[in-house]
PDB file of N, CA and C in Angstrom:
ATOM      1  N   MET A   1     160.310 120.671  89.551  1.00  0.00           N
ATOM      2  CA  MET A   1     160.262 121.196  88.213  1.00  0.00           C
ATOM      3  C   MET A   1     158.822 121.223  87.755  1.00  0.00           C
ATOM      4  N   SER A   2     158.260 122.398  87.742  1.00  0.00           N
ATOM      5  CA  SER A   2     156.831 122.444  87.479  1.00  0.00           C
ATOM      6  C   SER A   2     156.451 123.349  86.317  1.00  0.00           C
ATOM      7  N   GLY A   3     157.387 124.018  85.679  1.00  0.00           N
ATOM      8  CA  GLY A   3     157.075 124.940  84.601  1.00  0.00           C
ATOM      9  C   GLY A   3     156.412 124.243  83.428  1.00  0.00           C
ATOM     10  N   GLU A   4     155.618 124.991  82.705  1.00  0.00           N
ATOM     11  CA  GLU A   4     154.885 124.423  81.580  1.00  0.00           C
ATOM     12  C   GLU A   4     155.514 124.780  80.239  1.00  0.00           C
ATOM     13  N   SER A   5     156.592 125.583  80.243  1.00  0.00           N
ATOM     14  CA  SER A   5     157.226 125.931  78.980  1.00  0.00           C
ATOM     15  C   SER A   5     158.736 126.013  79.145  1.00  0.00           C
ATOM     16  N   LEU A   6     159.419 125.904  78.011  1.00  0.00           N
ATOM     17  CA  LEU A   6     160.869 126.029  77.974  1.00  0.00           C
ATOM     18  C   LEU A   6     161.201 127.412  77.441  1.00  0.00           C
ATOM     19  N   LYS A   7     162.256 127.989  77.930  1.00  0.00           N
ATOM     20  CA  LYS A   7     162.696 129.294  77.444  1.00  0.00           C
ATOM     21  C   LYS A   7     163.792 129.108  76.409  1.00  0.00           C
ATOM     22  N   THR A   8     163.698 129.880  75.337  1.00  0.00           N
ATOM     23  CA  THR A   8     164.765 129.881  74.347  1.00  0.00           C
ATOM     24  C   THR A   8     165.832 130.873  74.796  1.00  0.00           C
ATOM     25  N   LYS A   9     166.954 130.875  74.106  1.00  0.00           N
ATOM     26  CA  LYS A   9     168.000 131.832  74.448  1.00  0.00           C
ATOM     27  C   LYS A   9     167.556 133.255  74.135  1.00  0.00           C
ATOM     28  N   TYR A  10     166.472 133.397  73.380  1.00  0.00           N
ATOM     29  CA  TYR A  10     165.921 134.710  73.057  1.00  0.00           C
ATOM     30  C   TYR A  10     164.843 135.153  74.031  1.00  0.00           C
ATOM     31  N   GLY A  11     164.566 134.321  75.035  1.00  0.00           N
ATOM     32  CA  GLY A  11     163.586 134.658  76.051  1.00  0.00           C
ATOM     33  C   GLY A  11     162.163 134.239  75.714  1.00  0.00           C
ATOM     34  N   ALA A  12     161.944 133.650  74.565  1.00  0.00           N
ATOM     35  CA  ALA A  12     160.600 133.206  74.179  1.00  0.00           C
ATOM     36  C   ALA A  12     160.254 131.911  74.904  1.00  0.00           C
ATOM     37  N   ASP A  13     158.975 131.724  75.175  1.00  0.00           N
ATOM     38  CA  ASP A  13     158.496 130.502  75.817  1.00  0.00           C
ATOM     39  C   ASP A  13     157.972 129.538  74.760  1.00  0.00           C
ATOM     40  N   ILE A  14     158.358 128.266  74.896  1.00  0.00           N
ATOM     41  CA  ILE A  14     157.825 127.213  74.034  1.00  0.00           C
ATOM     42  C   ILE A  14     157.161 126.189  74.943  1.00  0.00           C
ATOM     43  N   PRO A  15     155.859 125.947  74.759  1.00  0.00           N
ATOM     44  CA  PRO A  15     155.165 124.980  75.611  1.00  0.00           C
ATOM     45  C   PRO A  15     155.836 123.605  75.555  1.00  0.00           C
ATOM     46  N   ARG A  16     155.903 122.948  76.703  1.00  0.00           N
ATOM     47  CA  ARG A  16     156.517 121.619  76.780  1.00  0.00           C
ATOM     48  C   ARG A  16     155.897 120.639  75.806  1.00  0.00           C
ATOM     49  N   GLU A  17     154.579 120.639  75.723  1.00  0.00           N
ATOM     50  CA  GLU A  17     153.910 119.678  74.839  1.00  0.00           C
ATOM     51  C   GLU A  17     154.247 119.925  73.372  1.00  0.00           C
ATOM     52  N   LEU A  18     154.508 121.178  73.010  1.00  0.00           N
ATOM     53  CA  LEU A  18     154.951 121.471  71.653  1.00  0.00           C
ATOM     54  C   LEU A  18     156.329 120.847  71.403  1.00  0.00           C
ATOM     55  N   MET A  19     157.197 120.897  72.403  1.00  0.00           N
ATOM     56  CA  MET A  19     158.516 120.286  72.277  1.00  0.00           C
ATOM     57  C   MET A  19     158.414 118.761  72.221  1.00  0.00           C
ATOM     58  N   VAL A  20     157.479 118.206  72.973  1.00  0.00           N
ATOM     59  CA  VAL A  20     157.255 116.756  72.904  1.00  0.00           C
ATOM     60  C   VAL A  20     156.838 116.378  71.481  1.00  0.00           C
ATOM     61  N   GLU A  21     155.903 117.125  70.912  1.00  0.00           N
ATOM     62  CA  GLU A  21     155.455 116.852  69.540  1.00  0.00           C
ATOM     63  C   GLU A  21     156.597 117.008  68.553  1.00  0.00           C
ATOM     64  N   TYR A  22     157.447 118.014  68.765  1.00  0.00           N
ATOM     65  CA  TYR A  22     158.596 118.220  67.887  1.00  0.00           C
ATOM     66  C   TYR A  22     159.517 116.997  67.928  1.00  0.00           C
ATOM     67  N   PHE A  23     159.821 116.506  69.122  1.00  0.00           N
ATOM     68  CA  PHE A  23     160.723 115.361  69.209  1.00  0.00           C
ATOM     69  C   PHE A  23     160.076 114.068  68.714  1.00  0.00           C
ATOM     70  N   LYS A  24     158.767 113.984  68.752  1.00  0.00           N
ATOM     71  CA  LYS A  24     158.096 112.849  68.110  1.00  0.00           C
ATOM     72  C   LYS A  24     158.312 112.921  66.593  1.00  0.00           C
ATOM     73  N   ARG A  25     158.240 114.144  66.044  1.00  0.00           N
ATOM     74  CA  ARG A  25     158.502 114.323  64.614  1.00  0.00           C
ATOM     75  C   ARG A  25     159.954 114.009  64.285  1.00  0.00           C
ATOM     76  N   VAL A  26     160.881 114.435  65.143  1.00  0.00           N
ATOM     77  CA  VAL A  26     162.294 114.126  64.926  1.00  0.00           C
ATOM     78  C   VAL A  26     162.493 112.611  64.924  1.00  0.00           C
ATOM     79  N   THR A  27     161.848 111.924  65.849  1.00  0.00           N
ATOM     80  CA  THR A  27     161.937 110.464  65.895  1.00  0.00           C
ATOM     81  C   THR A  27     161.472 109.868  64.572  1.00  0.00           C
ATOM     82  N   GLY A  28     160.381 110.375  64.029  1.00  0.00           N
ATOM     83  CA  GLY A  28     159.887 109.912  62.734  1.00  0.00           C
ATOM     84  C   GLY A  28     160.875 110.195  61.613  1.00  0.00           C
ATOM     85  N   LYS A  29     161.497 111.358  61.662  1.00  0.00           N
ATOM     86  CA  LYS A  29     162.499 111.694  60.644  1.00  0.00           C
ATOM     87  C   LYS A  29     163.693 110.750  60.727  1.00  0.00           C
ATOM     88  N   ILE A  30     164.066 110.380  61.926  1.00  0.00           N
ATOM     89  CA  ILE A  30     165.193 109.454  62.100  1.00  0.00           C
ATOM     90  C   ILE A  30     164.801 108.058  61.621  1.00  0.00           C
ATOM     91  N   PHE A  31     163.598 107.594  61.972  1.00  0.00           N
ATOM     92  CA  PHE A  31     163.130 106.284  61.495  1.00  0.00           C
ATOM     93  C   PHE A  31     163.093 106.239  59.967  1.00  0.00           C
ATOM     94  N   ARG A  32     162.811 107.371  59.353  1.00  0.00           N
ATOM     95  CA  ARG A  32     162.745 107.450  57.886  1.00  0.00           C
ATOM     96  C   ARG A  32     164.074 107.041  57.246  1.00  0.00           C
ATOM     97  N   LEU A  33     165.155 107.142  58.007  1.00  0.00           N
ATOM     98  CA  LEU A  33     166.471 106.778  57.482  1.00  0.00           C
ATOM     99  C   LEU A  33     166.573 105.289  57.136  1.00  0.00           C
ATOM    100  N   LEU A  34     165.811 104.450  57.819  1.00  0.00           N
ATOM    101  CA  LEU A  34     165.878 103.001  57.543  1.00  0.00           C
ATOM    102  C   LEU A  34     165.411 102.659  56.124  1.00  0.00           C
ATOM    103  N   PRO A  35     164.199 103.030  55.734  1.00  0.00           N
ATOM    104  CA  PRO A  35     163.788 102.692  54.366  1.00  0.00           C
ATOM    105  C   PRO A  35     164.579 103.461  53.307  1.00  0.00           C
ATOM    106  N   MET A  36     165.078 104.644  53.661  1.00  0.00           N
ATOM    107  CA  MET A  36     165.861 105.394  52.680  1.00  0.00           C
ATOM    108  C   MET A  36     167.103 104.611  52.267  1.00  0.00           C
ATOM    109  N   LEU A  37     167.766 103.962  53.228  1.00  0.00           N
ATOM    110  CA  LEU A  37     168.940 103.161  52.894  1.00  0.00           C
ATOM    111  C   LEU A  37     168.533 101.902  52.129  1.00  0.00           C
ATOM    112  N   GLU A  38     167.479 101.248  52.589  1.00  0.00           N
ATOM    113  CA  GLU A  38     167.028 100.022  51.929  1.00  0.00           C
ATOM    114  C   GLU A  38     166.617 100.285  50.482  1.00  0.00           C
ATOM    115  N   GLU A  39     166.066 101.478  50.228  1.00  0.00           N
ATOM    116  CA  GLU A  39     165.618 101.843  48.884  1.00  0.00           C
ATOM    117  C   GLU A  39     166.738 102.489  48.064  1.00  0.00           C
ATOM    118  N   CYS A  40     167.932 102.547  48.621  1.00  0.00           N
ATOM    119  CA  CYS A  40     169.077 103.186  47.953  1.00  0.00           C
ATOM    120  C   CYS A  40     168.750 104.607  47.515  1.00  0.00           C
ATOM    121  N   ASP A  41     168.065 105.332  48.376  1.00  0.00           N
ATOM    122  CA  ASP A  41     167.677 106.714  48.097  1.00  0.00           C
ATOM    123  C   ASP A  41     168.935 107.572  47.947  1.00  0.00           C
ATOM    124  N   CYS A  42     169.083 108.208  46.798  1.00  0.00           N
ATOM    125  CA  CYS A  42     170.293 108.980  46.527  1.00  0.00           C
ATOM    126  C   CYS A  42     170.366 110.270  47.351  1.00  0.00           C
ATOM    127  N   THR A  43     169.286 110.633  48.022  1.00  0.00           N
ATOM    128  CA  THR A  43     169.305 111.851  48.840  1.00  0.00           C
ATOM    129  C   THR A  43     169.584 111.560  50.314  1.00  0.00           C
ATOM    130  N   LEU A  44     169.918 110.323  50.646  1.00  0.00           N
ATOM    131  CA  LEU A  44     170.094 109.918  52.039  1.00  0.00           C
ATOM    132  C   LEU A  44     171.130 110.769  52.778  1.00  0.00           C
ATOM    133  N   SER A  45     172.296 110.937  52.213  1.00  0.00           N
ATOM    134  CA  SER A  45     173.342 111.715  52.894  1.00  0.00           C
ATOM    135  C   SER A  45     172.924 113.162  53.088  1.00  0.00           C
ATOM    136  N   ILE A  46     172.243 113.719  52.106  1.00  0.00           N
ATOM    137  CA  ILE A  46     171.763 115.102  52.210  1.00  0.00           C
ATOM    138  C   ILE A  46     170.696 115.198  53.295  1.00  0.00           C
ATOM    139  N   TYR A  47     169.805 114.215  53.342  1.00  0.00           N
ATOM    140  CA  TYR A  47     168.748 114.175  54.364  1.00  0.00           C
ATOM    141  C   TYR A  47     169.366 114.153  55.764  1.00  0.00           C
ATOM    142  N   ILE A  48     170.378 113.300  55.948  1.00  0.00           N
ATOM    143  CA  ILE A  48     171.053 113.213  57.240  1.00  0.00           C
ATOM    144  C   ILE A  48     171.703 114.552  57.580  1.00  0.00           C
ATOM    145  N   GLU A  49     172.361 115.157  56.609  1.00  0.00           N
ATOM    146  CA  GLU A  49     173.028 116.444  56.849  1.00  0.00           C
ATOM    147  C   GLU A  49     172.031 117.518  57.282  1.00  0.00           C
ATOM    148  N   TYR A  50     170.906 117.610  56.594  1.00  0.00           N
ATOM    149  CA  TYR A  50     169.902 118.614  56.955  1.00  0.00           C
ATOM    150  C   TYR A  50     169.272 118.329  58.318  1.00  0.00           C
ATOM    151  N   LEU A  51     169.098 117.067  58.636  1.00  0.00           N
ATOM    152  CA  LEU A  51     168.584 116.710  59.956  1.00  0.00           C
ATOM    153  C   LEU A  51     169.573 117.122  61.044  1.00  0.00           C
ATOM    154  N   LEU A  52     170.846 116.892  60.802  1.00  0.00           N
ATOM    155  CA  LEU A  52     171.882 117.317  61.753  1.00  0.00           C
ATOM    156  C   LEU A  52     171.903 118.836  61.910  1.00  0.00           C
ATOM    157  N   ILE A  53     171.753 119.555  60.811  1.00  0.00           N
ATOM    158  CA  ILE A  53     171.727 121.023  60.872  1.00  0.00           C
ATOM    159  C   ILE A  53     170.533 121.493  61.689  1.00  0.00           C
ATOM    160  N   GLU A  54     169.377 120.893  61.452  1.00  0.00           N
ATOM    161  CA  GLU A  54     168.166 121.252  62.211  1.00  0.00           C
ATOM    162  C   GLU A  54     168.367 121.026  63.709  1.00  0.00           C
ATOM    163  N   LEU A  55     168.892 119.863  64.054  1.00  0.00           N
ATOM    164  CA  LEU A  55     169.083 119.533  65.468  1.00  0.00           C
ATOM    165  C   LEU A  55     170.154 120.411  66.111  1.00  0.00           C
ATOM    166  N   ALA A  56     171.211 120.702  65.383  1.00  0.00           N
ATOM    167  CA  ALA A  56     172.263 121.570  65.922  1.00  0.00           C
ATOM    168  C   ALA A  56     171.703 122.962  66.199  1.00  0.00           C
ATOM    169  N   GLY A  57     170.837 123.442  65.333  1.00  0.00           N
ATOM    170  CA  GLY A  57     170.197 124.734  65.557  1.00  0.00           C
ATOM    171  C   GLY A  57     169.301 124.716  66.782  1.00  0.00           C
ATOM    172  N   GLY A  58     168.549 123.651  66.945  1.00  0.00           N
ATOM    173  CA  GLY A  58     167.694 123.517  68.130  1.00  0.00           C
ATOM    174  C   GLY A  58     168.504 123.467  69.402  1.00  0.00           C
ATOM    175  N   ASN A  59     169.643 122.813  69.340  1.00  0.00           N
ATOM    176  CA  ASN A  59     170.531 122.731  70.495  1.00  0.00           C
ATOM    177  C   ASN A  59     171.017 124.116  70.886  1.00  0.00           C
ATOM    178  N   GLU A  60     171.337 124.946  69.917  1.00  0.00           N
ATOM    179  CA  GLU A  60     171.818 126.301  70.200  1.00  0.00           C
ATOM    180  C   GLU A  60     170.709 127.184  70.776  1.00  0.00           C
ATOM    181  N   ILE A  61     169.502 127.011  70.269  1.00  0.00           N
ATOM    182  CA  ILE A  61     168.391 127.862  70.705  1.00  0.00           C
ATOM    183  C   ILE A  61     167.879 127.472  72.082  1.00  0.00           C
ATOM    184  N   LEU A  62     167.833 126.174  72.372  1.00  0.00           N
ATOM    185  CA  LEU A  62     167.151 125.718  73.578  1.00  0.00           C
ATOM    186  C   LEU A  62     168.030 125.080  74.636  1.00  0.00           C
ATOM    187  N   TYR A  63     168.849 124.135  74.279  1.00  0.00           N
ATOM    188  CA  TYR A  63     169.329 123.209  75.288  1.00  0.00           C
ATOM    189  C   TYR A  63     170.792 123.305  75.662  1.00  0.00           C
ATOM    190  N   LYS A  64     171.659 123.017  74.742  1.00  0.00           N
ATOM    191  CA  LYS A  64     173.084 122.875  75.040  1.00  0.00           C
ATOM    192  C   LYS A  64     173.275 121.869  76.168  1.00  0.00           C
ATOM    193  N   ASP A  65     172.748 120.678  75.981  1.00  0.00           N
ATOM    194  CA  ASP A  65     172.860 119.660  77.020  1.00  0.00           C
ATOM    195  C   ASP A  65     173.424 118.360  76.470  1.00  0.00           C
ATOM    196  N   VAL A  66     173.741 117.473  77.359  1.00  0.00           N
ATOM    197  CA  VAL A  66     174.431 116.235  77.014  1.00  0.00           C
ATOM    198  C   VAL A  66     173.568 115.290  76.171  1.00  0.00           C
ATOM    199  N   LEU A  67     172.278 115.201  76.404  1.00  0.00           N
ATOM    200  CA  LEU A  67     171.436 114.316  75.603  1.00  0.00           C
ATOM    201  C   LEU A  67     171.346 114.796  74.161  1.00  0.00           C
ATOM    202  N   PHE A  68     171.219 116.094  73.997  1.00  0.00           N
ATOM    203  CA  PHE A  68     171.161 116.643  72.649  1.00  0.00           C
ATOM    204  C   PHE A  68     172.475 116.391  71.936  1.00  0.00           C
ATOM    205  N   LEU A  69     173.576 116.593  72.633  1.00  0.00           N
ATOM    206  CA  LEU A  69     174.890 116.330  72.067  1.00  0.00           C
ATOM    207  C   LEU A  69     175.040 114.847  71.726  1.00  0.00           C
ATOM    208  N   ASP A  70     174.546 113.992  72.587  1.00  0.00           N
ATOM    209  CA  ASP A  70     174.568 112.545  72.345  1.00  0.00           C
ATOM    210  C   ASP A  70     173.788 112.202  71.074  1.00  0.00           C
ATOM    211  N   LEU A  71     172.626 112.813  70.912  1.00  0.00           N
ATOM    212  CA  LEU A  71     171.816 112.583  69.722  1.00  0.00           C
ATOM    213  C   LEU A  71     172.569 113.031  68.468  1.00  0.00           C
ATOM    214  N   LEU A  72     173.151 114.222  68.506  1.00  0.00           N
ATOM    215  CA  LEU A  72     173.895 114.726  67.353  1.00  0.00           C
ATOM    216  C   LEU A  72     175.072 113.820  67.000  1.00  0.00           C
ATOM    217  N   ALA A  73     175.831 113.405  68.000  1.00  0.00           N
ATOM    218  CA  ALA A  73     177.002 112.565  67.761  1.00  0.00           C
ATOM    219  C   ALA A  73     176.601 111.214  67.175  1.00  0.00           C
ATOM    220  N   ASN A  74     175.554 110.624  67.711  1.00  0.00           N
ATOM    221  CA  ASN A  74     175.119 109.320  67.218  1.00  0.00           C
ATOM    222  C   ASN A  74     174.503 109.402  65.831  1.00  0.00           C
ATOM    223  N   LEU A  75     173.810 110.481  65.555  1.00  0.00           N
ATOM    224  CA  LEU A  75     173.250 110.663  64.225  1.00  0.00           C
ATOM    225  C   LEU A  75     174.368 110.936  63.219  1.00  0.00           C
ATOM    226  N   GLU A  76     175.374 111.673  63.626  1.00  0.00           N
ATOM    227  CA  GLU A  76     176.533 111.908  62.761  1.00  0.00           C
ATOM    228  C   GLU A  76     177.201 110.583  62.392  1.00  0.00           C
ATOM    229  N   ALA A  77     177.266 109.664  63.321  1.00  0.00           N
ATOM    230  CA  ALA A  77     177.895 108.362  63.087  1.00  0.00           C
ATOM    231  C   ALA A  77     177.154 107.540  62.029  1.00  0.00           C
ATOM    232  N   VAL A  78     175.878 107.810  61.851  1.00  0.00           N
ATOM    233  CA  VAL A  78     175.075 107.079  60.874  1.00  0.00           C
ATOM    234  C   VAL A  78     175.684 107.203  59.474  1.00  0.00           C
ATOM    235  N   ASN A  79     176.197 108.381  59.136  1.00  0.00           N
ATOM    236  CA  ASN A  79     176.780 108.598  57.808  1.00  0.00           C
ATOM    237  C   ASN A  79     177.909 107.625  57.500  1.00  0.00           C
ATOM    238  N   GLY A  80     178.654 107.211  58.507  1.00  0.00           N
ATOM    239  CA  GLY A  80     179.755 106.291  58.297  1.00  0.00           C
ATOM    240  C   GLY A  80     179.359 104.825  58.229  1.00  0.00           C
ATOM    241  N   LEU A  81     178.068 104.559  58.370  1.00  0.00           N
ATOM    242  CA  LEU A  81     177.597 103.164  58.404  1.00  0.00           C
ATOM    243  C   LEU A  81     176.717 102.800  57.216  1.00  0.00           C
ATOM    244  N   LEU A  82     176.774 103.563  56.152  1.00  0.00           N
ATOM    245  CA  LEU A  82     175.886 103.342  55.015  1.00  0.00           C
ATOM    246  C   LEU A  82     176.125 102.005  54.314  1.00  0.00           C
ATOM    247  N   GLU A  83     177.299 101.427  54.503  1.00  0.00           N
ATOM    248  CA  GLU A  83     177.612 100.138  53.880  1.00  0.00           C
ATOM    249  C   GLU A  83     177.452  98.968  54.850  1.00  0.00           C
ATOM    250  N   ASP A  84     176.989  99.247  56.051  1.00  0.00           N
ATOM    251  CA  ASP A  84     176.891  98.225  57.110  1.00  0.00           C
ATOM    252  C   ASP A  84     175.495  98.289  57.726  1.00  0.00           C
ATOM    253  N   PHE A  85     174.517  97.683  57.034  1.00  0.00           N
ATOM    254  CA  PHE A  85     173.125  97.849  57.452  1.00  0.00           C
ATOM    255  C   PHE A  85     172.844  97.427  58.895  1.00  0.00           C
ATOM    256  N   PRO A  86     173.349  96.304  59.402  1.00  0.00           N
ATOM    257  CA  PRO A  86     173.025  95.949  60.790  1.00  0.00           C
ATOM    258  C   PRO A  86     173.465  97.030  61.794  1.00  0.00           C
ATOM    259  N   ASN A  87     174.662  97.557  61.633  1.00  0.00           N
ATOM    260  CA  ASN A  87     175.123  98.609  62.546  1.00  0.00           C
ATOM    261  C   ASN A  87     174.414  99.934  62.281  1.00  0.00           C
ATOM    262  N   TYR A  88     174.094 100.197  61.016  1.00  0.00           N
ATOM    263  CA  TYR A  88     173.311 101.378  60.651  1.00  0.00           C
ATOM    264  C   TYR A  88     171.966 101.341  61.369  1.00  0.00           C
ATOM    265  N   ARG A  89     171.295 100.193  61.277  1.00  0.00           N
ATOM    266  CA  ARG A  89     169.993 100.016  61.925  1.00  0.00           C
ATOM    267  C   ARG A  89     170.107 100.199  63.438  1.00  0.00           C
ATOM    268  N   ASN A  90     171.121  99.589  64.043  1.00  0.00           N
ATOM    269  CA  ASN A  90     171.320  99.734  65.489  1.00  0.00           C
ATOM    270  C   ASN A  90     171.549 101.185  65.878  1.00  0.00           C
ATOM    271  N   GLN A  91     172.294 101.903  65.062  1.00  0.00           N
ATOM    272  CA  GLN A  91     172.564 103.313  65.350  1.00  0.00           C
ATOM    273  C   GLN A  91     171.288 104.142  65.249  1.00  0.00           C
ATOM    274  N   ILE A  92     170.449 103.847  64.268  1.00  0.00           N
ATOM    275  CA  ILE A  92     169.160 104.535  64.124  1.00  0.00           C
ATOM    276  C   ILE A  92     168.295 104.280  65.363  1.00  0.00           C
ATOM    277  N   LEU A  93     168.241 103.026  65.789  1.00  0.00           N
ATOM    278  CA  LEU A  93     167.445 102.697  66.982  1.00  0.00           C
ATOM    279  C   LEU A  93     168.006 103.381  68.227  1.00  0.00           C
ATOM    280  N   LYS A  94     169.307 103.489  68.320  1.00  0.00           N
ATOM    281  CA  LYS A  94     169.914 104.205  69.444  1.00  0.00           C
ATOM    282  C   LYS A  94     169.499 105.674  69.423  1.00  0.00           C
ATOM    283  N   CYS A  95     169.502 106.290  68.245  1.00  0.00           N
ATOM    284  CA  CYS A  95     169.096 107.696  68.125  1.00  0.00           C
ATOM    285  C   CYS A  95     167.639 107.899  68.524  1.00  0.00           C
ATOM    286  N   THR A  96     166.768 106.984  68.099  1.00  0.00           N
ATOM    287  CA  THR A  96     165.359 107.129  68.480  1.00  0.00           C
ATOM    288  C   THR A  96     165.183 106.913  69.979  1.00  0.00           C
ATOM    289  N   GLY A  97     165.995 106.047  70.571  1.00  0.00           N
ATOM    290  CA  GLY A  97     165.962 105.869  72.031  1.00  0.00           C
ATOM    291  C   GLY A  97     166.366 107.144  72.758  1.00  0.00           C
ATOM    292  N   ILE A  98     167.358 107.840  72.225  1.00  0.00           N
ATOM    293  CA  ILE A  98     167.772 109.110  72.822  1.00  0.00           C
ATOM    294  C   ILE A  98     166.634 110.121  72.713  1.00  0.00           C
ATOM    295  N   CYS A  99     165.960 110.150  71.565  1.00  0.00           N
ATOM    296  CA  CYS A  99     164.798 111.045  71.410  1.00  0.00           C
ATOM    297  C   CYS A  99     163.732 110.739  72.452  1.00  0.00           C
ATOM    298  N   ASN A 100     163.467 109.460  72.678  1.00  0.00           N
ATOM    299  CA  ASN A 100     162.469 109.078  73.683  1.00  0.00           C
ATOM    300  C   ASN A 100     162.890 109.521  75.079  1.00  0.00           C
ATOM    301  N   THR A 101     164.180 109.463  75.370  1.00  0.00           N
ATOM    302  CA  THR A 101     164.672 109.939  76.664  1.00  0.00           C
ATOM    303  C   THR A 101     164.486 111.447  76.773  1.00  0.00           C
ATOM    304  N   ILE A 102     164.760 112.172  75.700  1.00  0.00           N
ATOM    305  CA  ILE A 102     164.556 113.627  75.701  1.00  0.00           C
ATOM    306  C   ILE A 102     163.085 113.943  75.930  1.00  0.00           C
ATOM    307  N   ILE A 103     162.194 113.221  75.256  1.00  0.00           N
ATOM    308  CA  ILE A 103     160.754 113.432  75.441  1.00  0.00           C
ATOM    309  C   ILE A 103     160.374 113.206  76.906  1.00  0.00           C
ATOM    310  N   LYS A 104     160.889 112.141  77.483  1.00  0.00           N
ATOM    311  CA  LYS A 104     160.593 111.852  78.884  1.00  0.00           C
ATOM    312  C   LYS A 104     161.057 112.996  79.783  1.00  0.00           C
ATOM    313  N   LYS A 105     162.259 113.495  79.540  1.00  0.00           N
ATOM    314  CA  LYS A 105     162.800 114.589  80.349  1.00  0.00           C
ATOM    315  C   LYS A 105     161.970 115.858  80.175  1.00  0.00           C
ATOM    316  N   ILE A 106     161.537 116.136  78.971  1.00  0.00           N
ATOM    317  CA  ILE A 106     160.693 117.321  78.746  1.00  0.00           C
ATOM    318  C   ILE A 106     159.382 117.171  79.490  1.00  0.00           C
ATOM    319  N   ARG A 107     158.793 115.992  79.442  1.00  0.00           N
ATOM    320  CA  ARG A 107     157.529 115.762  80.139  1.00  0.00           C
ATOM    321  C   ARG A 107     157.670 115.893  81.650  1.00  0.00           C
ATOM    322  N   GLU A 108     158.864 115.564  82.165  1.00  0.00           N
ATOM    323  CA  GLU A 108     159.095 115.716  83.600  1.00  0.00           C
ATOM    324  C   GLU A 108     159.059 117.174  84.015  1.00  0.00           C
ATOM    325  N   GLY A 109     159.361 118.057  83.084  1.00  0.00           N
ATOM    326  CA  GLY A 109     159.184 119.456  83.349  1.00  0.00           C
ATOM    327  C   GLY A 109     160.449 120.276  83.393  1.00  0.00           C
ATOM    328  N   VAL A 110     160.214 121.532  83.630  1.00  0.00           N
ATOM    329  CA  VAL A 110     161.272 122.527  83.703  1.00  0.00           C
ATOM    330  C   VAL A 110     161.125 123.274  85.019  1.00  0.00           C
ATOM    331  N   ASP A 111     162.177 123.973  85.421  1.00  0.00           N
ATOM    332  CA  ASP A 111     162.068 124.740  86.653  1.00  0.00           C
ATOM    333  C   ASP A 111     161.233 126.005  86.410  1.00  0.00           C
ATOM    334  N   ASP A 112     161.032 126.801  87.425  1.00  0.00           N
ATOM    335  CA  ASP A 112     160.168 127.973  87.314  1.00  0.00           C
ATOM    336  C   ASP A 112     160.711 129.035  86.360  1.00  0.00           C
ATOM    337  N   ASP A 113     161.979 128.959  86.019  1.00  0.00           N
ATOM    338  CA  ASP A 113     162.577 129.892  85.075  1.00  0.00           C
ATOM    339  C   ASP A 113     162.510 129.394  83.638  1.00  0.00           C
ATOM    340  N   GLY A 114     161.864 128.244  83.408  1.00  0.00           N
ATOM    341  CA  GLY A 114     161.751 127.697  82.071  1.00  0.00           C
ATOM    342  C   GLY A 114     162.998 126.962  81.617  1.00  0.00           C
ATOM    343  N   VAL A 115     163.837 126.568  82.571  1.00  0.00           N
ATOM    344  CA  VAL A 115     165.067 125.865  82.233  1.00  0.00           C
ATOM    345  C   VAL A 115     164.837 124.374  82.411  1.00  0.00           C
ATOM    346  N   TRP A 116     165.166 123.635  81.394  1.00  0.00           N
ATOM    347  CA  TRP A 116     165.015 122.190  81.408  1.00  0.00           C
ATOM    348  C   TRP A 116     166.297 121.598  81.966  1.00  0.00           C
ATOM    349  N   SER A 117     166.218 120.970  83.119  1.00  0.00           N
ATOM    350  CA  SER A 117     167.390 120.342  83.714  1.00  0.00           C
ATOM    351  C   SER A 117     167.347 118.855  83.418  1.00  0.00           C
ATOM    352  N   ILE A 118     168.474 118.318  82.964  1.00  0.00           N
ATOM    353  CA  ILE A 118     168.540 116.895  82.680  1.00  0.00           C
ATOM    354  C   ILE A 118     169.675 116.291  83.474  1.00  0.00           C
ATOM    355  N   GLN A 119     169.573 115.014  83.692  1.00  0.00           N
ATOM    356  CA  GLN A 119     170.646 114.318  84.383  1.00  0.00           C
ATOM    357  C   GLN A 119     171.601 113.757  83.354  1.00  0.00           C
ATOM    358  N   CYS A 120     172.874 114.056  83.543  1.00  0.00           N
ATOM    359  CA  CYS A 120     173.906 113.503  82.677  1.00  0.00           C
ATOM    360  C   CYS A 120     174.199 112.097  83.180  1.00  0.00           C
ATOM    361  N   VAL A 121     173.605 111.119  82.519  1.00  0.00           N
ATOM    362  CA  VAL A 121     173.675 109.750  82.993  1.00  0.00           C
ATOM    363  C   VAL A 121     175.110 109.239  83.044  1.00  0.00           C
ATOM    364  N   SER A 122     175.936 109.634  82.082  1.00  0.00           N
ATOM    365  CA  SER A 122     177.277 109.068  81.993  1.00  0.00           C
ATOM    366  C   SER A 122     178.180 109.508  83.139  1.00  0.00           C
ATOM    367  N   ILE A 123     177.995 110.712  83.662  1.00  0.00           N
ATOM    368  CA  ILE A 123     178.863 111.147  84.747  1.00  0.00           C
ATOM    369  C   ILE A 123     178.091 111.533  86.003  1.00  0.00           C
ATOM    370  N   GLY A 124     176.773 111.334  85.965  1.00  0.00           N
ATOM    371  CA  GLY A 124     175.951 111.538  87.156  1.00  0.00           C
ATOM    372  C   GLY A 124     175.860 112.974  87.627  1.00  0.00           C
ATOM    373  N   GLN A 125     175.978 113.932  86.723  1.00  0.00           N
ATOM    374  CA  GLN A 125     175.850 115.340  87.070  1.00  0.00           C
ATOM    375  C   GLN A 125     174.565 115.894  86.464  1.00  0.00           C
ATOM    376  N   PHE A 126     174.160 117.057  86.917  1.00  0.00           N
ATOM    377  CA  PHE A 126     173.048 117.748  86.282  1.00  0.00           C
ATOM    378  C   PHE A 126     173.615 118.861  85.431  1.00  0.00           C
ATOM    379  N   TRP A 127     173.041 118.989  84.237  1.00  0.00           N
ATOM    380  CA  TRP A 127     173.418 120.066  83.313  1.00  0.00           C
ATOM    381  C   TRP A 127     172.183 120.931  83.135  1.00  0.00           C
ATOM    382  N   ASN A 128     172.340 122.212  83.092  1.00  0.00           N
ATOM    383  CA  ASN A 128     171.233 123.123  82.836  1.00  0.00           C
ATOM    384  C   ASN A 128     171.424 123.770  81.481  1.00  0.00           C
ATOM    385  N   ALA A 129     170.320 123.969  80.777  1.00  0.00           N
ATOM    386  CA  ALA A 129     170.391 124.645  79.478  1.00  0.00           C
ATOM    387  C   ALA A 129     170.750 126.092  79.679  1.00  0.00           C
TER     388      ALA A 129
END
């Protein structure tokens, strides 16, 4: 896997390092959820919803893979933990860990067609975007 960019479903190329920077920003947005709950921020649920919408859109444009789906599912679960800070915190950390795994996979590269292949850890298969 040696390609330097990812292809969108529209055929556009996005440099790998740009995607790495994007997922670093996503990680920061997810970490932001911790102080938002501690500060009783009334926009927390809306923030989570918009973050989920953003990620779901990215999944449709680029990936359609198991890690992205894992991130969406785990972030969705955060909404149900607003009254349980220890589990809320653990879920946030799990989401940021998934982001770090996605970053690692992006850095490993894409094939010559700009397709990012990831290993589906849970069932040991490869999924292609």
